Amino acid sequence: MKKAIAAVLLAGTSALAWGQSSVALYGIVDTGIEYYNNAAKGGSFVGMPSLTGEVPSRFGLRGQEDLGGGYKAFFVLESGFAPNSGALNYGGRLFGRQANLGVTSDYGTLTLGRQMNMSMYVLFNADVIGPSIHSMASFDSYLPNARSDNAVGYLGKFHGVTVGGTYSFGRDAAGPAGPSATNCAGQIPGDAVACRQYTMMLAYDNAWGGAAASYDVMYGGPGASAPLVSSADTDKRAIVDAYVKFGATKVGGGWIRRNTAAAEHAQSDIFFLGAEYYVTPMFALDAQALRYILRDHSNSTLLVGRANYFISKRTTLYASLGYMMNSALAANAVAAAGTVTPGANQFGAMMGIQQRF
């Protein structure tokens, strides 16, 4: 009799756990019409962007199951695509944005698989423009695509303090097509360093603002895209940023230092400062100034302005303007995936619509 009662109770407990499971389909479709002058082959460009609008388009599946005792298992499968053609971005991978699973609890979140790394998390609050058509992606395409294949990640939040890190056994299996794709899959027997990557972050946030810092080290590997063509080559990024909030306004800024040690050494800095202001709950304005310096070579300055009108909780209309000022040897385009005549200044504009589901 006791065994029968125990079996009934166990079945009831299992049913309760299953009842707390969930799987959700979500996504963003974002596109519009963009314009920029002084294209690389002369003249101007008018058309639809392929990489991003205000944010990149994506769809995904997210699921979780309550395991009891404060623990939950989860998975994320997320695909990036180009609304103008329907093509898959991120090297043509079906789930190129994320493909991972893990366990979360009060002690933090442990994630396995392709995932966002700390170079992306560190910019979430201070970079008011984000991965937009006119953004810091013009200077470093890796930043809005900071993800790692074959990675183990941890992220924990404790009383306003966030600590996180990732370690990848082979950071990038795609390439060379797609933004920041490097064809460095790694996991090569006998070469333990090839295509390894680690990132780490420390942040603090409260009601009025916060600050964060991260460090990112990636190694090259045989057959990978230049300049990281061997295990001895490295690419390192250090990011420090902060933001403050007062009323309907948020101001954020920071500094990004990159050092590439390969056949030729290169060092660059990005300084950025921006503000976001909600004129009304339905209308917001964003602005940002960025300065890029490639040591002993060139420099560029980018000015960005953006307006958002929130028609509903799901639909947004927006307009973005950008102006890039290049030095004589610089060739940084004002728009993501755009082109520019070397040494030319460039104006860009986009009007778009975004819908979330």
Protein backbone atom coordinates (compact mmCIF):
# COMPACT_ATOMS: atom_id res chain seq x y z
CA MET A 1 0.00 0.00 0.00
CA LYS A 2 2.83 2.40 0.87
CA LYS A 3 4.52 1.66 -2.45
CA ALA A 4 1.30 2.41 -4.33
CA ILE A 5 0.88 5.75 -2.52
CA ALA A 6 4.51 6.66 -3.25
CA ALA A 7 4.04 5.85 -6.93
CA VAL A 8 0.95 8.07 -7.12
CA LEU A 9 2.80 10.94 -5.40
CA LEU A 10 5.79 10.55 -7.73
CA ALA A 11 3.53 10.60 -10.77
CA GLY A 12 1.83 13.73 -9.48
CA THR A 13 5.19 15.44 -8.88
CA SER A 14 6.36 14.54 -12.39
CA ALA A 15 3.16 15.89 -13.90
CA LEU A 16 3.64 19.15 -12.01
CA ALA A 17 7.21 19.49 -13.34
CA TRP A 18 6.03 18.85 -16.89
CA GLY A 19 3.28 21.42 -16.43
CA GLN A 20 5.94 24.05 -15.68
CA SER A 21 7.77 23.44 -18.96
CA SER A 22 7.43 25.91 -21.82
CA VAL A 23 8.57 26.43 -25.40
CA ALA A 24 8.15 29.82 -27.10
CA LEU A 25 8.60 31.06 -30.65
CA TYR A 26 9.91 34.64 -30.83
CA GLY A 27 11.58 36.99 -33.25
CA ILE A 28 12.11 40.39 -34.86
CA VAL A 29 11.61 41.41 -38.48
CA ASP A 30 13.31 44.74 -39.21
CA THR A 31 13.95 46.37 -42.57
CA GLY A 32 13.53 49.55 -44.60
CA ILE A 33 15.20 51.69 -47.26
CA GLU A 34 18.73 53.05 -46.85
CA TYR A 35 20.78 55.64 -48.72
CA TYR A 36 24.44 56.65 -48.65
CA ASN A 37 26.70 58.69 -50.93
CA ASN A 38 30.37 58.32 -51.94
CA ALA A 39 30.14 54.59 -52.49
CA ALA A 40 33.37 52.72 -53.32
CA LYS A 41 32.70 52.70 -57.06
CA GLY A 42 31.41 56.26 -57.09
CA GLY A 43 27.91 57.65 -56.92
CA SER A 44 25.39 56.72 -54.24
CA PHE A 45 23.47 53.68 -53.06
CA VAL A 46 19.73 53.31 -52.51
CA GLY A 47 18.29 49.95 -51.49
CA MET A 48 17.43 47.56 -48.70
CA PRO A 49 20.09 46.46 -46.18
CA SER A 50 21.03 42.80 -45.81
CA LEU A 51 22.59 42.72 -42.34
CA THR A 52 20.64 44.99 -40.01
CA GLY A 53 18.14 47.80 -39.70
CA GLU A 54 17.77 49.16 -36.20
CA VAL A 55 18.58 45.61 -35.06
CA PRO A 56 19.27 42.41 -37.03
CA SER A 57 16.22 40.30 -37.94
CA ARG A 58 15.93 36.91 -36.26
CA PHE A 59 13.58 34.18 -35.11
CA GLY A 60 14.09 31.56 -32.49
CA LEU A 61 12.81 28.89 -30.15
CA ARG A 62 13.32 29.21 -26.42
CA GLY A 63 12.33 26.53 -23.92
CA GLN A 64 12.76 25.79 -20.25
CA GLU A 65 11.78 23.17 -17.70
CA ASP A 66 11.55 23.56 -13.95
CA LEU A 67 13.73 20.86 -12.39
CA GLY A 68 12.79 21.75 -8.83
CA GLY A 69 14.95 23.10 -6.05
CA GLY A 70 15.39 26.43 -7.86
CA TYR A 71 17.00 24.84 -10.93
CA LYS A 72 15.75 25.15 -14.50
CA ALA A 73 17.00 23.55 -17.70
CA PHE A 74 16.75 25.62 -20.89
CA PHE A 75 17.63 25.75 -24.58
CA VAL A 76 17.86 28.51 -27.20
CA LEU A 77 17.90 28.04 -30.98
CA GLU A 78 18.08 31.38 -32.82
CA SER A 79 18.43 32.11 -36.52
CA GLY A 80 19.46 35.36 -38.21
CA PHE A 81 18.15 36.21 -41.67
CA ALA A 82 18.07 38.99 -44.25
CA PRO A 83 14.51 40.28 -44.80
CA ASN A 84 15.41 41.71 -48.21
CA SER A 85 16.16 38.26 -49.67
CA GLY A 86 15.22 35.66 -47.06
CA ALA A 87 18.80 34.39 -46.97
CA LEU A 88 20.34 33.10 -43.75
CA ASN A 89 23.00 35.32 -42.21
CA TYR A 90 25.87 34.20 -39.95
CA GLY A 91 27.62 32.16 -42.59
CA GLY A 92 24.41 30.52 -43.81
CA ARG A 93 23.92 28.60 -40.56
CA LEU A 94 20.34 27.72 -39.61
CA PHE A 95 20.92 28.71 -35.99
CA GLY A 96 23.85 31.06 -36.46
CA ARG A 97 22.87 33.50 -33.71
CA GLN A 98 22.53 30.95 -30.91
CA ALA A 99 22.38 27.19 -30.46
CA ASN A 100 22.80 26.24 -26.82
CA LEU A 101 21.37 24.65 -23.72
CA GLY A 102 22.13 24.82 -20.04
CA VAL A 103 20.98 25.08 -16.45
CA THR A 104 20.10 28.19 -14.46
CA SER A 105 19.59 28.75 -10.72
CA ASP A 106 20.18 31.32 -7.99
CA TYR A 107 23.88 30.52 -8.36
CA GLY A 108 23.99 31.65 -11.99
CA THR A 109 23.58 30.25 -15.48
CA LEU A 110 25.77 27.61 -17.13
CA THR A 111 25.46 27.46 -20.93
CA LEU A 112 26.89 25.00 -23.48
CA GLY A 113 27.05 25.58 -27.24
CA ARG A 114 27.11 28.57 -29.58
CA GLN A 115 26.34 31.61 -27.45
CA MET A 116 26.81 35.34 -26.95
CA ASN A 117 30.08 36.04 -25.17
CA MET A 118 31.07 38.78 -22.74
CA SER A 119 32.13 41.26 -25.46
CA MET A 120 28.46 41.49 -26.35
CA TYR A 121 27.02 41.53 -22.83
CA VAL A 122 29.36 44.33 -21.72
CA LEU A 123 27.89 46.78 -24.27
CA PHE A 124 24.19 46.14 -23.63
CA ASN A 125 23.60 49.14 -21.34
CA ALA A 126 26.23 51.73 -22.29
CA ASP A 127 25.88 51.52 -26.09
CA VAL A 128 22.56 53.33 -26.66
CA ILE A 129 22.61 52.77 -30.46
CA GLY A 130 23.32 49.02 -30.41
CA PRO A 131 23.76 46.90 -33.57
CA SER A 132 22.06 49.45 -35.83
CA ILE A 133 22.67 50.31 -39.50
CA HIS A 134 24.80 53.29 -38.35
CA SER A 135 26.87 52.16 -35.37
CA MET A 136 30.28 51.08 -34.07
CA ALA A 137 29.96 48.03 -36.33
CA SER A 138 31.42 50.31 -39.03
CA PHE A 139 34.70 50.18 -37.12
CA ASP A 140 34.63 46.62 -35.78
CA SER A 141 32.12 44.13 -37.24
CA TYR A 142 32.93 41.64 -34.50
CA LEU A 143 31.31 43.71 -31.74
CA PRO A 144 27.63 43.26 -32.76
CA ASN A 145 28.40 39.61 -33.62
CA ALA A 146 30.38 38.64 -30.50
CA ARG A 147 29.46 34.98 -30.25
CA SER A 148 31.50 31.82 -29.72
CA ASP A 149 31.03 28.29 -31.06
CA ASN A 150 31.86 25.21 -28.97
CA ALA A 151 31.70 27.31 -25.83
CA VAL A 152 31.11 26.86 -22.12
CA GLY A 153 29.71 30.00 -20.51
CA TYR A 154 28.77 31.23 -17.05
CA LEU A 155 26.81 34.33 -16.04
CA GLY A 156 25.84 35.16 -12.46
CA LYS A 157 24.14 38.18 -10.87
CA PHE A 158 24.51 38.87 -7.17
CA HIS A 159 23.12 42.02 -5.52
CA GLY A 160 23.86 44.27 -8.49
CA VAL A 161 27.19 42.64 -9.38
CA THR A 162 27.40 40.55 -12.54
CA VAL A 163 30.28 38.18 -13.26
CA GLY A 164 30.60 36.18 -16.43
CA GLY A 165 32.93 34.33 -18.73
CA THR A 166 33.10 32.00 -21.71
CA TYR A 167 35.68 29.50 -22.91
CA SER A 168 35.55 28.21 -26.48
CA PHE A 169 37.32 25.11 -27.78
CA GLY A 170 36.86 26.35 -31.37
CA ARG A 171 35.34 29.81 -31.68
CA ASP A 172 34.04 30.07 -35.26
CA ALA A 173 33.08 27.26 -37.63
CA ALA A 174 31.72 29.62 -40.32
CA GLY A 175 33.54 31.60 -42.94
CA PRO A 176 34.59 33.48 -44.73
CA ALA A 177 31.07 34.64 -45.66
CA GLY A 178 29.16 36.79 -43.19
CA PRO A 179 30.14 39.55 -40.78
CA SER A 180 33.13 38.67 -38.60
CA ALA A 181 33.15 35.04 -39.83
CA THR A 182 36.73 33.74 -39.68
CA ASN A 183 36.64 30.01 -40.54
CA CYS A 184 38.41 29.05 -37.32
CA ALA A 185 36.64 25.93 -36.06
CA GLY A 186 39.58 24.64 -34.03
CA GLN A 187 39.30 21.44 -31.96
CA ILE A 188 42.29 20.08 -33.88
CA PRO A 189 43.98 16.98 -32.41
CA GLY A 190 47.53 17.87 -31.41
CA ASP A 191 46.91 21.65 -31.49
CA ALA A 192 45.23 22.55 -28.22
CA VAL A 193 45.47 26.32 -28.79
CA ALA A 194 44.06 26.57 -32.32
CA CYS A 195 40.98 28.81 -32.48
CA ARG A 196 40.53 28.89 -28.70
CA GLN A 197 38.85 31.93 -27.16
CA TYR A 198 38.04 33.17 -23.71
CA THR A 199 36.08 36.19 -22.57
CA MET A 200 35.35 37.58 -19.10
CA MET A 201 33.26 40.39 -17.65
CA LEU A 202 32.62 42.20 -14.38
CA ALA A 203 29.72 44.66 -14.08
CA TYR A 204 27.72 46.59 -11.51
CA ASP A 205 24.22 48.01 -12.02
CA ASN A 206 21.68 49.81 -9.85
CA ALA A 207 18.67 52.08 -10.26
CA TRP A 208 20.68 55.09 -11.44
CA GLY A 209 23.25 53.45 -13.73
CA GLY A 210 26.22 51.16 -13.80
CA ALA A 211 29.65 50.26 -15.14
CA ALA A 212 31.21 47.23 -16.80
CA ALA A 213 34.53 45.91 -18.08
CA SER A 214 35.41 42.91 -20.25
CA TYR A 215 38.41 41.19 -21.78
CA ASP A 216 38.37 39.01 -24.89
CA VAL A 217 41.23 36.89 -26.29
CA MET A 218 40.95 34.84 -29.47
CA TYR A 219 43.58 32.66 -31.13
CA GLY A 220 44.08 31.88 -34.78
CA GLY A 221 44.43 28.49 -36.41
CA PRO A 222 45.59 26.71 -39.58
CA GLY A 223 43.43 27.63 -42.59
CA ALA A 224 41.61 30.45 -40.81
CA SER A 225 40.95 33.84 -42.38
CA ALA A 226 43.69 36.47 -42.20
CA PRO A 227 45.22 37.80 -40.09
CA LEU A 228 44.80 34.99 -37.51
CA VAL A 229 46.23 32.19 -39.66
CA SER A 230 48.16 30.28 -37.00
CA SER A 231 47.83 29.32 -33.34
CA ALA A 232 50.48 31.90 -32.46
CA ASP A 233 48.30 34.78 -33.70
CA THR A 234 46.02 36.57 -31.23
CA ASP A 235 43.31 39.22 -31.27
CA LYS A 236 42.55 40.91 -27.94
CA ARG A 237 39.85 43.42 -26.95
CA ALA A 238 39.42 45.26 -23.66
CA ILE A 239 36.17 47.18 -23.11
CA VAL A 240 35.32 49.60 -20.30
CA ASP A 241 32.00 51.46 -20.25
CA ALA A 242 29.43 53.09 -17.99
CA TYR A 243 25.98 54.68 -18.08
CA VAL A 244 23.77 56.87 -15.92
CA LYS A 245 19.99 57.32 -15.89
CA PHE A 246 18.00 60.33 -14.76
CA GLY A 247 14.31 60.66 -15.51
CA ALA A 248 13.58 59.85 -19.14
CA THR A 249 17.26 60.12 -20.15
CA LYS A 250 20.12 57.64 -20.27
CA VAL A 251 23.71 58.62 -21.10
CA GLY A 252 26.32 55.96 -21.88
CA GLY A 253 29.91 55.90 -23.06
CA GLY A 254 33.04 53.83 -23.14
CA TRP A 255 36.39 52.84 -24.59
CA ILE A 256 37.39 49.78 -26.63
CA ARG A 257 41.07 48.85 -27.13
CA ARG A 258 41.97 46.20 -29.69
CA ASN A 259 45.40 44.62 -30.18
CA THR A 260 46.06 42.20 -33.04
CA ALA A 261 49.34 40.29 -32.93
CA ALA A 262 49.84 38.49 -36.23
CA ALA A 263 52.11 38.95 -39.26
CA GLU A 264 51.63 42.68 -38.71
CA HIS A 265 50.79 44.19 -35.34
CA ALA A 266 47.79 46.54 -35.21
CA GLN A 267 46.31 48.58 -32.38
CA SER A 268 43.07 50.54 -32.44
CA ASP A 269 40.78 52.45 -30.09
CA ILE A 270 37.07 53.27 -30.22
CA PHE A 271 35.68 55.97 -27.95
CA PHE A 272 31.91 56.42 -27.82
CA LEU A 273 29.41 58.64 -26.01
CA GLY A 274 25.67 58.65 -26.52
CA ALA A 275 22.31 59.55 -25.02
CA GLU A 276 18.77 58.23 -25.19
CA TYR A 277 15.76 60.43 -24.34
CA TYR A 278 12.09 59.47 -24.20
CA VAL A 279 10.18 62.58 -25.28
CA THR A 280 6.98 60.64 -24.57
CA PRO A 281 6.43 56.94 -23.81
CA MET A 282 5.71 56.54 -27.54
CA PHE A 283 8.59 58.60 -28.98
CA ALA A 284 12.32 58.34 -28.29
CA LEU A 285 15.46 60.04 -29.60
CA ASP A 286 18.99 58.55 -29.63
CA ALA A 287 22.32 60.17 -30.49
CA GLN A 288 25.91 58.97 -30.38
CA ALA A 289 29.39 60.19 -31.31
CA LEU A 290 32.21 57.72 -31.97
CA ARG A 291 35.91 58.21 -32.58
CA TYR A 292 38.04 55.47 -34.16
CA ILE A 293 41.84 55.59 -34.17
CA LEU A 294 43.97 53.01 -35.98
CA ARG A 295 47.45 53.67 -34.63
CA ASP A 296 50.03 55.01 -37.10
CA HIS A 297 47.55 54.76 -39.96
CA SER A 298 44.20 56.55 -39.93
CA ASN A 299 41.23 57.80 -37.94
CA SER A 300 37.49 58.34 -38.39
CA THR A 301 34.62 60.04 -36.57
CA LEU A 302 31.00 58.88 -36.78
CA LEU A 303 27.95 60.91 -35.71
CA VAL A 304 24.61 59.08 -35.39
CA GLY A 305 21.08 60.31 -34.72
CA ARG A 306 17.95 58.16 -34.52
CA ALA A 307 14.23 58.62 -33.81
CA ASN A 308 11.81 55.86 -32.79
CA TYR A 309 8.02 56.00 -32.82
CA PHE A 310 6.42 53.07 -30.99
CA ILE A 311 3.11 52.44 -32.73
CA SER A 312 2.38 49.55 -30.38
CA LYS A 313 4.18 47.14 -28.09
CA ARG A 314 5.22 45.15 -31.16
CA THR A 315 5.65 47.65 -34.00
CA THR A 316 8.14 50.53 -34.31
CA LEU A 317 8.80 53.09 -37.02
CA TYR A 318 12.28 54.61 -37.03
CA ALA A 319 14.62 56.91 -38.92
CA SER A 320 18.41 56.88 -38.60
CA LEU A 321 21.03 59.35 -39.87
CA GLY A 322 24.80 58.88 -39.89
CA TYR A 323 27.76 60.98 -40.97
CA MET A 324 31.25 59.46 -41.26
CA MET A 325 34.36 61.64 -41.43
CA ASN A 326 37.39 59.68 -42.70
CA SER A 327 41.02 60.73 -42.69
CA ALA A 328 43.02 60.41 -45.93
CA LEU A 329 43.83 56.70 -45.50
CA ALA A 330 40.60 55.63 -43.77
CA ALA A 331 37.82 53.72 -45.54
CA ASN A 332 35.15 53.17 -42.89
CA ALA A 333 31.64 53.11 -44.35
CA VAL A 334 28.81 54.90 -42.59
CA ALA A 335 26.45 51.93 -42.98
CA ALA A 336 26.82 48.29 -41.95
CA ALA A 337 27.94 46.25 -44.99
CA GLY A 338 28.26 49.48 -46.98
CA THR A 339 31.19 50.71 -49.09
CA VAL A 340 33.00 54.03 -49.24
CA THR A 341 35.60 55.76 -51.38
CA PRO A 342 38.86 55.76 -49.32
CA GLY A 343 39.40 59.08 -47.59
CA ALA A 344 35.89 60.37 -48.36
CA ASN A 345 33.33 61.63 -45.90
CA GLN A 346 29.98 59.89 -46.15
CA PHE A 347 26.34 60.59 -45.29
CA GLY A 348 23.85 57.81 -44.70
CA ALA A 349 20.13 57.63 -43.90
CA MET A 350 17.57 54.91 -43.35
CA MET A 351 13.84 54.77 -42.68
CA GLY A 352 12.49 51.45 -41.46
CA ILE A 353 9.87 49.46 -39.65
CA GLN A 354 10.34 46.78 -37.02
CA GLN A 355 7.92 44.21 -35.68
CA ARG A 356 8.51 41.85 -32.77
CA PHE A 357 6.66 38.64 -32.04
